[in-house]
Amino acid sequence: MISENLFAHQATLTTERLRLEPLGPEHFDGAWAALQDPEAMRLTGTHAEFTPDQIRSWLAGLAGRHDRADWAVIRRPTGQDQDQKEQYLGEVVLNDLDPDNASVGFRIVLSPADVLGQGYGTEATRAVVRHAFDDLGLHRVALEVFAFNPRAQRAYEKAGFTVEGRQRNALRWDGAWVDAVSMGMLAIDPRV
């Protein structure tokens, strides 16, 4: 059985180009900018509007949450880019912890749009999935992706997720109904 406090001590994860560090108040500027990006809001199906105070309060409260892990995705200067500054690219989350079934939900959002299509989402997803299975001992990671986001679906498939089903008309966006594609990955599944 998995502990209900599984995320009490959230690790910082690193990849070749990224550092995934616990999301907190120091990431306000990047998080706020992402919430002002209409494409990021569309791809996540977020209808809500937030105030700066709501976001500051949310970020400040994450450290006390033990049922979820929220990471800031930070691009690190590497190789030829050593002279560049670190850049906040978005966030990646394990949430909806079900300790009895050793499962969690997964979501990621990257913004601004100029970072999309460069493999950062796949790289961050693989790091978090590896951590979920290898370090935390989880059995299942699940997600939903809207049908108007095939790029994200391909990235999830590259990381090892499998399409498990489709929820018809799960989101109403700009007057049209959009399906949600359900995807999952088990600890015993092959990883890419």
C-alpha atoms as a PDB file:
ATOM      1  CA  MET A   1       0.000   0.000   0.000  1.00  0.00           C
ATOM      2  CA  ILE A   2       1.181   3.489  -0.872  1.00  0.00           C
ATOM      3  CA  SER A   3       1.306   6.170   1.841  1.00  0.00           C
ATOM      4  CA  GLU A   4      -1.232   8.988   1.744  1.00  0.00           C
ATOM      5  CA  ASN A   5       1.754  11.281   2.380  1.00  0.00           C
ATOM      6  CA  LEU A   6       3.650   9.981  -0.634  1.00  0.00           C
ATOM      7  CA  PHE A   7       4.677  13.461  -1.750  1.00  0.00           C
ATOM      8  CA  ALA A   8       5.692  14.841   1.654  1.00  0.00           C
ATOM      9  CA  HIS A   9       9.301  15.075   0.473  1.00  0.00           C
ATOM     10  CA  GLN A  10       9.163  16.076  -3.167  1.00  0.00           C
ATOM     11  CA  ALA A  11      12.334  15.378  -5.107  1.00  0.00           C
ATOM     12  CA  THR A  12      13.977  17.638  -7.663  1.00  0.00           C
ATOM     13  CA  LEU A  13      14.381  15.737 -10.923  1.00  0.00           C
ATOM     14  CA  THR A  14      16.931  16.473 -13.623  1.00  0.00           C
ATOM     15  CA  THR A  15      17.180  15.470 -17.258  1.00  0.00           C
ATOM     16  CA  GLU A  16      19.619  16.334 -20.012  1.00  0.00           C
ATOM     17  CA  ARG A  17      18.058  19.774 -20.567  1.00  0.00           C
ATOM     18  CA  LEU A  18      15.631  20.274 -17.693  1.00  0.00           C
ATOM     19  CA  ARG A  19      15.379  20.615 -13.946  1.00  0.00           C
ATOM     20  CA  LEU A  20      12.011  19.791 -12.416  1.00  0.00           C
ATOM     21  CA  GLU A  21      11.886  21.521  -9.062  1.00  0.00           C
ATOM     22  CA  PRO A  22       9.026  21.748  -6.579  1.00  0.00           C
ATOM     23  CA  LEU A  23       6.629  24.446  -7.773  1.00  0.00           C
ATOM     24  CA  GLY A  24       6.309  27.319  -5.330  1.00  0.00           C
ATOM     25  CA  PRO A  25       5.964  31.079  -4.854  1.00  0.00           C
ATOM     26  CA  GLU A  26       9.263  31.744  -6.619  1.00  0.00           C
ATOM     27  CA  HIS A  27       7.635  30.554  -9.862  1.00  0.00           C
ATOM     28  CA  PHE A  28       4.812  33.097  -9.783  1.00  0.00           C
ATOM     29  CA  ASP A  29       5.941  35.069 -12.849  1.00  0.00           C
ATOM     30  CA  GLY A  30       6.126  31.985 -15.064  1.00  0.00           C
ATOM     31  CA  ALA A  31       2.906  30.473 -13.741  1.00  0.00           C
ATOM     32  CA  TRP A  32       1.060  33.757 -14.141  1.00  0.00           C
ATOM     33  CA  ALA A  33       2.336  34.190 -17.715  1.00  0.00           C
ATOM     34  CA  ALA A  34       1.124  30.672 -18.596  1.00  0.00           C
ATOM     35  CA  LEU A  35      -2.329  31.549 -17.271  1.00  0.00           C
ATOM     36  CA  GLN A  36      -2.387  34.527 -19.641  1.00  0.00           C
ATOM     37  CA  ASP A  37      -1.539  32.334 -22.653  1.00  0.00           C
ATOM     38  CA  PRO A  38      -4.807  31.575 -24.516  1.00  0.00           C
ATOM     39  CA  GLU A  39      -3.319  28.500 -26.209  1.00  0.00           C
ATOM     40  CA  ALA A  40      -2.150  27.004 -22.900  1.00  0.00           C
ATOM     41  CA  MET A  41      -5.612  27.604 -21.455  1.00  0.00           C
ATOM     42  CA  ARG A  42      -7.261  25.953 -24.479  1.00  0.00           C
ATOM     43  CA  LEU A  43      -4.978  22.910 -24.452  1.00  0.00           C
ATOM     44  CA  THR A  44      -5.682  22.307 -20.759  1.00  0.00           C
ATOM     45  CA  GLY A  45      -9.392  23.068 -21.101  1.00  0.00           C
ATOM     46  CA  THR A  46      -9.169  25.775 -18.438  1.00  0.00           C
ATOM     47  CA  HIS A  47     -12.198  28.070 -18.474  1.00  0.00           C
ATOM     48  CA  ALA A  48     -11.526  29.681 -15.102  1.00  0.00           C
ATOM     49  CA  GLU A  49      -9.910  33.061 -14.719  1.00  0.00           C
ATOM     50  CA  PHE A  50      -7.619  33.680 -11.775  1.00  0.00           C
ATOM     51  CA  THR A  51      -6.356  36.703  -9.887  1.00  0.00           C
ATOM     52  CA  PRO A  52      -2.689  37.184  -9.008  1.00  0.00           C
ATOM     53  CA  ASP A  53      -3.578  36.751  -5.317  1.00  0.00           C
ATOM     54  CA  GLN A  54      -5.274  33.399  -6.020  1.00  0.00           C
ATOM     55  CA  ILE A  55      -2.179  32.132  -7.830  1.00  0.00           C
ATOM     56  CA  ARG A  56       0.188  33.387  -5.121  1.00  0.00           C
ATOM     57  CA  SER A  57      -1.949  31.652  -2.489  1.00  0.00           C
ATOM     58  CA  TRP A  58      -2.080  28.414  -4.514  1.00  0.00           C
ATOM     59  CA  LEU A  59       1.694  28.379  -5.031  1.00  0.00           C
ATOM     60  CA  ALA A  60       2.347  29.123  -1.340  1.00  0.00           C
ATOM     61  CA  GLY A  61       0.121  26.226  -0.278  1.00  0.00           C
ATOM     62  CA  LEU A  62       1.700  23.550  -2.465  1.00  0.00           C
ATOM     63  CA  ALA A  63       4.562  22.811  -0.061  1.00  0.00           C
ATOM     64  CA  GLY A  64       2.035  21.609   2.531  1.00  0.00           C
ATOM     65  CA  ARG A  65       0.295  19.225   0.128  1.00  0.00           C
ATOM     66  CA  HIS A  66       1.295  15.591   0.483  1.00  0.00           C
ATOM     67  CA  ASP A  67      -1.272  14.103  -1.894  1.00  0.00           C
ATOM     68  CA  ARG A  68       0.219  15.630  -5.051  1.00  0.00           C
ATOM     69  CA  ALA A  69       3.515  16.730  -6.545  1.00  0.00           C
ATOM     70  CA  ASP A  70       3.796  19.882  -8.641  1.00  0.00           C
ATOM     71  CA  TRP A  71       7.044  20.666 -10.426  1.00  0.00           C
ATOM     72  CA  ALA A  72       8.205  23.761 -12.265  1.00  0.00           C
ATOM     73  CA  VAL A  73       9.796  22.769 -15.564  1.00  0.00           C
ATOM     74  CA  ILE A  74      13.013  24.784 -15.872  1.00  0.00           C
ATOM     75  CA  ARG A  75      15.167  24.729 -19.003  1.00  0.00           C
ATOM     76  CA  ARG A  76      18.799  24.586 -17.955  1.00  0.00           C
ATOM     77  CA  PRO A  77      21.620  26.053 -20.033  1.00  0.00           C
ATOM     78  CA  THR A  78      23.526  23.146 -21.578  1.00  0.00           C
ATOM     79  CA  GLY A  79      26.337  22.655 -24.061  1.00  0.00           C
ATOM     80  CA  GLN A  80      26.415  25.540 -26.507  1.00  0.00           C
ATOM     81  CA  ASP A  81      23.707  27.365 -24.529  1.00  0.00           C
ATOM     82  CA  GLN A  82      25.820  27.870 -21.380  1.00  0.00           C
ATOM     83  CA  ASP A  83      25.492  31.652 -21.676  1.00  0.00           C
ATOM     84  CA  GLN A  84      21.675  31.555 -21.664  1.00  0.00           C
ATOM     85  CA  LYS A  85      19.576  32.073 -18.546  1.00  0.00           C
ATOM     86  CA  GLU A  86      17.404  29.381 -17.053  1.00  0.00           C
ATOM     87  CA  GLN A  87      13.820  29.608 -18.303  1.00  0.00           C
ATOM     88  CA  TYR A  88      10.513  28.578 -16.738  1.00  0.00           C
ATOM     89  CA  LEU A  89       8.733  26.449 -19.357  1.00  0.00           C
ATOM     90  CA  GLY A  90       5.676  25.296 -17.446  1.00  0.00           C
ATOM     91  CA  GLU A  91       4.598  22.767 -14.869  1.00  0.00           C
ATOM     92  CA  VAL A  92       4.130  19.035 -14.564  1.00  0.00           C
ATOM     93  CA  VAL A  93       1.931  17.447 -11.920  1.00  0.00           C
ATOM     94  CA  LEU A  94       1.131  14.119 -10.318  1.00  0.00           C
ATOM     95  CA  ASN A  95      -2.252  14.488  -8.627  1.00  0.00           C
ATOM     96  CA  ASP A  96      -5.399  12.629  -7.613  1.00  0.00           C
ATOM     97  CA  LEU A  97      -3.342  10.172  -5.563  1.00  0.00           C
ATOM     98  CA  ASP A  98      -5.221   6.937  -4.895  1.00  0.00           C
ATOM     99  CA  PRO A  99      -3.005   5.204  -2.312  1.00  0.00           C
ATOM    100  CA  ASP A 100      -5.152   2.055  -2.155  1.00  0.00           C
ATOM    101  CA  ASN A 101      -4.621   1.437  -5.864  1.00  0.00           C
ATOM    102  CA  ALA A 102      -1.136   2.965  -6.137  1.00  0.00           C
ATOM    103  CA  SER A 103      -2.258   5.296  -8.900  1.00  0.00           C
ATOM    104  CA  VAL A 104      -2.066   8.981  -9.764  1.00  0.00           C
ATOM    105  CA  GLY A 105      -3.181  11.388 -12.426  1.00  0.00           C
ATOM    106  CA  PHE A 106      -0.728  13.254 -14.619  1.00  0.00           C
ATOM    107  CA  ARG A 107      -0.837  16.613 -16.333  1.00  0.00           C
ATOM    108  CA  ILE A 108       1.616  18.967 -17.949  1.00  0.00           C
ATOM    109  CA  VAL A 109       1.403  22.400 -19.488  1.00  0.00           C
ATOM    110  CA  LEU A 110       4.206  24.178 -21.304  1.00  0.00           C
ATOM    111  CA  SER A 111       4.158  27.832 -22.300  1.00  0.00           C
ATOM    112  CA  PRO A 112       5.098  29.974 -24.204  1.00  0.00           C
ATOM    113  CA  ALA A 113       4.235  28.419 -27.550  1.00  0.00           C
ATOM    114  CA  ASP A 114       7.774  28.850 -28.883  1.00  0.00           C
ATOM    115  CA  VAL A 115       8.989  26.014 -26.614  1.00  0.00           C
ATOM    116  CA  LEU A 116       6.483  23.526 -28.021  1.00  0.00           C
ATOM    117  CA  GLY A 117       7.668  20.921 -30.493  1.00  0.00           C
ATOM    118  CA  GLN A 118      11.199  20.762 -29.085  1.00  0.00           C
ATOM    119  CA  GLY A 119      10.778  17.605 -27.017  1.00  0.00           C
ATOM    120  CA  TYR A 120      10.654  19.304 -23.607  1.00  0.00           C
ATOM    121  CA  GLY A 121       7.228  17.844 -22.823  1.00  0.00           C
ATOM    122  CA  THR A 122       8.336  14.314 -23.658  1.00  0.00           C
ATOM    123  CA  GLU A 123      11.531  14.757 -21.636  1.00  0.00           C
ATOM    124  CA  ALA A 124       9.667  16.062 -18.570  1.00  0.00           C
ATOM    125  CA  THR A 125       6.977  13.380 -18.891  1.00  0.00           C
ATOM    126  CA  ARG A 126       9.533  10.574 -19.035  1.00  0.00           C
ATOM    127  CA  ALA A 127      11.329  11.924 -15.949  1.00  0.00           C
ATOM    128  CA  VAL A 128       8.148  12.157 -13.893  1.00  0.00           C
ATOM    129  CA  VAL A 129       6.884   8.734 -14.998  1.00  0.00           C
ATOM    130  CA  ARG A 130      10.255   7.162 -14.171  1.00  0.00           C
ATOM    131  CA  HIS A 131      10.137   8.808 -10.738  1.00  0.00           C
ATOM    132  CA  ALA A 132       6.541   7.682 -10.157  1.00  0.00           C
ATOM    133  CA  PHE A 133       7.294   4.046 -10.898  1.00  0.00           C
ATOM    134  CA  ASP A 134      10.935   3.562  -9.923  1.00  0.00           C
ATOM    135  CA  ASP A 135      11.247   5.853  -6.884  1.00  0.00           C
ATOM    136  CA  LEU A 136       7.712   6.081  -5.506  1.00  0.00           C
ATOM    137  CA  GLY A 137       6.528   2.558  -6.263  1.00  0.00           C
ATOM    138  CA  LEU A 138       3.306   3.576  -7.984  1.00  0.00           C
ATOM    139  CA  HIS A 139       1.512   1.077 -10.219  1.00  0.00           C
ATOM    140  CA  ARG A 140      -0.493   3.324 -12.574  1.00  0.00           C
ATOM    141  CA  VAL A 141      -0.290   6.837 -14.022  1.00  0.00           C
ATOM    142  CA  ALA A 142      -3.299   8.111 -15.995  1.00  0.00           C
ATOM    143  CA  LEU A 143      -4.102  11.234 -17.972  1.00  0.00           C
ATOM    144  CA  GLU A 144      -6.596  12.816 -20.316  1.00  0.00           C
ATOM    145  CA  VAL A 145      -5.737  14.792 -23.435  1.00  0.00           C
ATOM    146  CA  PHE A 146      -8.246  16.690 -25.516  1.00  0.00           C
ATOM    147  CA  ALA A 147      -8.775  15.507 -29.085  1.00  0.00           C
ATOM    148  CA  PHE A 148      -7.704  18.894 -30.466  1.00  0.00           C
ATOM    149  CA  ASN A 149      -4.199  18.300 -29.067  1.00  0.00           C
ATOM    150  CA  PRO A 150      -2.706  15.447 -31.123  1.00  0.00           C
ATOM    151  CA  ARG A 151       0.822  16.784 -30.523  1.00  0.00           C
ATOM    152  CA  ALA A 152       0.454  16.102 -26.794  1.00  0.00           C
ATOM    153  CA  GLN A 153      -1.038  12.664 -27.463  1.00  0.00           C
ATOM    154  CA  ARG A 154       2.022  11.783 -29.584  1.00  0.00           C
ATOM    155  CA  ALA A 155       4.342  13.020 -26.829  1.00  0.00           C
ATOM    156  CA  TYR A 156       2.539  10.850 -24.269  1.00  0.00           C
ATOM    157  CA  GLU A 157       2.747   7.838 -26.581  1.00  0.00           C
ATOM    158  CA  LYS A 158       6.496   8.476 -27.030  1.00  0.00           C
ATOM    159  CA  ALA A 159       6.821   8.348 -23.239  1.00  0.00           C
ATOM    160  CA  GLY A 160       4.998   5.001 -23.110  1.00  0.00           C
ATOM    161  CA  PHE A 161       1.345   5.886 -22.465  1.00  0.00           C
ATOM    162  CA  THR A 162      -1.358   3.834 -24.176  1.00  0.00           C
ATOM    163  CA  VAL A 163      -4.751   5.055 -25.343  1.00  0.00           C
ATOM    164  CA  GLU A 164      -7.360   3.375 -23.147  1.00  0.00           C
ATOM    165  CA  GLY A 165     -10.550   5.066 -24.244  1.00  0.00           C
ATOM    166  CA  ARG A 166     -12.380   8.168 -25.274  1.00  0.00           C
ATOM    167  CA  GLN A 167     -14.790  10.350 -23.349  1.00  0.00           C
ATOM    168  CA  ARG A 168     -17.174  11.862 -25.845  1.00  0.00           C
ATOM    169  CA  ASN A 169     -18.023  15.557 -25.575  1.00  0.00           C
ATOM    170  CA  ALA A 170     -15.994  15.990 -22.388  1.00  0.00           C
ATOM    171  CA  LEU A 171     -15.213  19.678 -22.951  1.00  0.00           C
ATOM    172  CA  ARG A 172     -17.131  22.537 -24.492  1.00  0.00           C
ATOM    173  CA  TRP A 173     -14.699  25.019 -26.039  1.00  0.00           C
ATOM    174  CA  ASP A 174     -15.618  27.990 -28.198  1.00  0.00           C
ATOM    175  CA  GLY A 175     -19.113  26.585 -28.721  1.00  0.00           C
ATOM    176  CA  ALA A 176     -17.956  23.138 -29.873  1.00  0.00           C
ATOM    177  CA  TRP A 177     -17.848  19.839 -28.030  1.00  0.00           C
ATOM    178  CA  VAL A 178     -14.444  18.154 -27.780  1.00  0.00           C
ATOM    179  CA  ASP A 179     -13.643  14.559 -26.830  1.00  0.00           C
ATOM    180  CA  ALA A 180     -11.044  13.654 -24.205  1.00  0.00           C
ATOM    181  CA  VAL A 181      -8.697  10.758 -24.912  1.00  0.00           C
ATOM    182  CA  SER A 182      -7.939   8.670 -21.804  1.00  0.00           C
ATOM    183  CA  MET A 183      -4.401   7.318 -21.600  1.00  0.00           C
ATOM    184  CA  GLY A 184      -2.569   5.283 -19.004  1.00  0.00           C
ATOM    185  CA  MET A 185       0.690   3.608 -18.180  1.00  0.00           C
ATOM    186  CA  LEU A 186       1.458   0.801 -15.762  1.00  0.00           C
ATOM    187  CA  ALA A 187       4.701   0.144 -13.939  1.00  0.00           C
ATOM    188  CA  ILE A 188       4.950  -3.156 -15.868  1.00  0.00           C
ATOM    189  CA  ASP A 189       4.545  -1.507 -19.282  1.00  0.00           C
ATOM    190  CA  PRO A 190       7.590  -1.036 -21.500  1.00  0.00           C
ATOM    191  CA  ARG A 191       9.026   2.460 -21.285  1.00  0.00           C
ATOM    192  CA  VAL A 192      10.536   4.335 -24.147  1.00  0.00           C
END
